N, C-alpha and C. Protein backbone atom coordinates (compact mmCIF):
# COMPACT_ATOMS: atom_id res chain seq x y z
N UNK A 1 186.16 152.35 72.51
CA UNK A 1 185.64 151.02 71.74
C UNK A 1 184.61 151.51 70.89
N UNK A 2 184.68 151.28 69.52
CA UNK A 2 183.50 151.63 68.68
C UNK A 2 182.60 150.39 68.64
N UNK A 3 181.24 150.55 68.34
CA UNK A 3 180.37 149.61 68.26
C UNK A 3 179.73 149.73 67.14
N UNK A 4 179.48 148.80 66.14
CA UNK A 4 178.61 148.91 65.01
C UNK A 4 177.18 149.03 65.14
N UNK A 5 176.59 149.98 64.87
CA UNK A 5 175.05 149.82 64.95
C UNK A 5 174.21 150.08 63.71
N UNK A 6 173.57 149.19 63.16
CA UNK A 6 172.87 149.19 61.88
C UNK A 6 171.92 150.21 62.04
N UNK A 7 172.03 151.39 61.13
CA UNK A 7 170.72 152.33 60.98
C UNK A 7 170.62 152.32 59.64
N UNK A 8 169.05 152.53 59.38
CA UNK A 8 168.72 152.88 57.98
C UNK A 8 167.98 154.23 57.93
N UNK A 9 169.26 154.90 57.38
CA UNK A 9 169.21 156.24 57.11
C UNK A 9 169.47 156.63 55.77
N UNK A 10 168.81 157.18 54.95
CA UNK A 10 169.36 157.50 53.64
C UNK A 10 168.96 158.95 53.10
N UNK A 11 169.66 159.53 52.43
CA UNK A 11 169.30 161.08 51.89
C UNK A 11 169.67 160.98 50.45
N UNK A 12 168.85 161.60 49.57
CA UNK A 12 169.21 161.54 48.17
C UNK A 12 168.74 163.17 47.76
N UNK A 13 169.76 163.82 47.06
CA UNK A 13 169.51 165.09 46.62
C UNK A 13 169.77 165.04 44.95
N UNK A 14 168.68 165.81 44.42
CA UNK A 14 168.89 166.30 43.13
C UNK A 14 168.76 167.70 42.67
N UNK A 15 169.79 168.30 41.72
CA UNK A 15 169.59 169.40 41.49
C UNK A 15 169.08 169.63 39.95
N UNK A 16 168.40 170.75 39.74
CA UNK A 16 167.94 171.06 38.46
C UNK A 16 168.13 172.49 38.36
N UNK A 17 168.96 172.88 37.57
CA UNK A 17 169.25 174.57 37.54
C UNK A 17 169.50 175.01 38.72
N UNK A 18 169.03 176.02 39.43
CA UNK A 18 169.25 176.64 40.66
C UNK A 18 168.53 175.97 41.81
N UNK A 19 167.60 174.98 41.32
CA UNK A 19 166.72 174.33 42.60
C UNK A 19 167.35 172.98 43.02
N UNK A 20 167.16 172.58 44.07
CA UNK A 20 167.45 171.31 44.74
C UNK A 20 166.25 170.47 45.58
N UNK A 21 166.11 169.27 45.31
CA UNK A 21 165.12 168.43 45.94
C UNK A 21 165.97 167.63 46.72
N UNK A 22 165.71 167.42 48.15
CA UNK A 22 166.14 166.57 49.15
C UNK A 22 165.21 165.74 49.77
N UNK A 23 165.45 164.46 49.50
CA UNK A 23 164.65 163.10 50.05
C UNK A 23 165.17 162.48 51.19
N UNK A 24 164.73 162.41 52.21
CA UNK A 24 165.48 161.75 53.13
C UNK A 24 164.30 160.53 54.01
N UNK A 25 165.18 159.49 54.35
CA UNK A 25 164.26 158.35 54.82
C UNK A 25 164.99 157.98 56.29
N UNK A 26 164.29 157.74 57.38
CA UNK A 26 164.73 157.00 58.43
C UNK A 26 163.71 155.84 58.84
N UNK A 27 164.35 154.78 58.89
CA UNK A 27 163.39 153.41 59.19
C UNK A 27 163.91 152.69 60.40
N UNK A 28 162.87 152.28 61.13
CA UNK A 28 163.39 151.28 62.36
C UNK A 28 163.94 149.98 61.86
N UNK A 29 164.81 149.50 62.73
CA UNK A 29 165.55 148.39 62.29
C UNK A 29 164.54 147.25 61.85
N UNK A 30 163.43 146.94 62.42
CA UNK A 30 162.67 145.77 61.78
C UNK A 30 161.74 146.40 60.73
N UNK A 31 161.80 147.81 60.27
CA UNK A 31 161.03 148.06 59.02
C UNK A 31 159.60 148.35 59.50
N UNK A 32 159.15 148.36 60.78
CA UNK A 32 157.82 148.45 60.93
C UNK A 32 157.32 150.04 60.79
N UNK A 33 158.53 151.00 61.14
CA UNK A 33 158.13 152.34 60.97
C UNK A 33 159.14 152.81 59.97
N UNK A 34 158.75 153.74 58.94
CA UNK A 34 159.33 154.24 57.89
C UNK A 34 159.01 155.63 57.86
N UNK A 35 159.96 156.73 57.91
CA UNK A 35 159.54 157.98 57.89
C UNK A 35 160.13 158.67 56.61
N UNK A 36 159.43 159.19 55.76
CA UNK A 36 160.00 159.68 54.55
C UNK A 36 159.39 161.11 54.17
N UNK A 37 160.25 162.13 53.79
CA UNK A 37 159.96 163.46 53.46
C UNK A 37 160.85 163.93 52.41
N UNK A 38 160.26 165.15 51.81
CA UNK A 38 161.02 165.79 50.87
C UNK A 38 161.04 167.27 51.16
N UNK A 39 162.19 168.02 50.90
CA UNK A 39 162.19 169.45 50.72
C UNK A 39 162.69 169.93 49.53
N UNK A 40 162.17 170.99 49.00
CA UNK A 40 162.84 171.76 47.89
C UNK A 40 163.21 172.95 48.01
N UNK A 41 164.06 173.67 47.56
CA UNK A 41 164.51 175.08 47.50
C UNK A 41 165.52 175.47 46.58
N UNK A 42 166.20 176.54 46.73
CA UNK A 42 167.37 176.87 46.05
C UNK A 42 168.62 176.28 46.32
N UNK A 43 169.23 175.62 45.41
CA UNK A 43 170.43 175.08 45.55
C UNK A 43 171.51 175.66 46.31
N UNK A 44 171.48 176.83 46.25
CA UNK A 44 172.56 177.65 47.15
C UNK A 44 172.28 177.44 48.82
N UNK A 45 171.10 176.92 49.00
CA UNK A 45 170.55 176.91 50.51
C UNK A 45 170.47 175.41 50.62
N UNK A 46 171.18 174.64 50.14
CA UNK A 46 171.06 173.10 50.40
C UNK A 46 171.30 172.59 51.76
N UNK A 47 172.54 173.30 52.33
CA UNK A 47 172.82 172.77 53.74
C UNK A 47 171.74 173.27 54.48
N UNK A 48 171.32 174.30 54.52
CA UNK A 48 169.93 174.94 55.50
C UNK A 48 168.95 174.01 55.25
N UNK A 49 168.59 173.81 53.96
CA UNK A 49 167.37 172.98 53.66
C UNK A 49 167.56 171.42 54.31
N UNK A 50 168.60 170.99 54.31
CA UNK A 50 169.02 169.65 54.81
C UNK A 50 168.73 169.50 56.17
N UNK A 51 169.45 170.61 57.01
CA UNK A 51 169.14 170.72 58.36
C UNK A 51 167.64 170.86 58.80
N UNK A 52 167.21 171.77 58.14
CA UNK A 52 165.63 171.78 58.28
C UNK A 52 164.96 170.51 58.26
N UNK A 53 165.09 169.70 57.00
CA UNK A 53 164.51 168.49 56.91
C UNK A 53 164.86 167.47 57.87
N UNK A 54 166.20 167.43 58.32
CA UNK A 54 166.58 166.53 59.40
C UNK A 54 165.70 166.66 60.66
N UNK A 55 165.89 168.17 61.02
CA UNK A 55 165.13 168.43 62.22
C UNK A 55 163.73 168.09 62.26
N UNK A 56 162.91 168.28 61.14
CA UNK A 56 161.57 167.96 61.11
C UNK A 56 161.48 166.42 60.99
N UNK A 57 162.18 165.56 60.56
CA UNK A 57 161.98 164.22 60.56
C UNK A 57 162.28 163.74 61.92
N UNK A 58 163.45 164.40 62.49
CA UNK A 58 163.43 163.91 64.23
C UNK A 58 162.37 164.12 64.86
N UNK A 59 161.69 165.38 64.74
CA UNK A 59 160.63 165.70 65.54
C UNK A 59 159.44 165.03 65.27
N UNK A 60 159.37 164.39 63.95
CA UNK A 60 158.11 163.45 63.52
C UNK A 60 158.43 161.98 63.84
N UNK A 61 159.19 161.56 64.48
CA UNK A 61 159.57 160.18 65.23
C UNK A 61 161.00 159.82 64.84
N UNK A 62 161.73 160.41 64.16
CA UNK A 62 163.11 159.86 64.01
C UNK A 62 163.80 159.83 65.17
N UNK A 63 163.60 160.67 66.03
CA UNK A 63 164.33 160.68 67.21
C UNK A 63 163.88 159.73 68.17
N UNK A 64 162.78 159.08 68.19
CA UNK A 64 162.24 157.69 68.71
C UNK A 64 162.87 156.51 67.97
N UNK A 65 163.00 156.51 66.82
CA UNK A 65 163.76 155.38 66.22
C UNK A 65 165.13 155.47 66.48
N UNK A 66 165.96 156.63 66.53
CA UNK A 66 167.29 156.52 66.90
C UNK A 66 167.55 156.32 68.29
N UNK A 67 166.46 156.53 69.24
CA UNK A 67 166.88 156.29 70.66
C UNK A 67 166.58 154.59 70.91
N UNK A 68 165.81 153.97 70.05
CA UNK A 68 165.91 152.54 70.14
C UNK A 68 167.14 151.99 69.86
N UNK A 69 167.59 152.72 69.05
CA UNK A 69 169.00 151.85 68.64
C UNK A 69 170.24 152.30 69.58
N UNK A 70 170.21 153.52 69.84
CA UNK A 70 171.46 153.68 70.68
C UNK A 70 171.41 153.32 71.97
């Protein structure tokens, strides 16, 4: 059985030439906590940059936000 769980997570990436900028947001359901961070690097490394940013945000409080929801 699947359960719908509203989660406020968004990611936006912009490329310019060979570079990429990735911005991510994780917010608590009530909006009292909002984590926002950006990482920049070579576009060819976008997947690795995204993983790095995601792990950093999880370590900075995102894991606790997600634990409240799950």
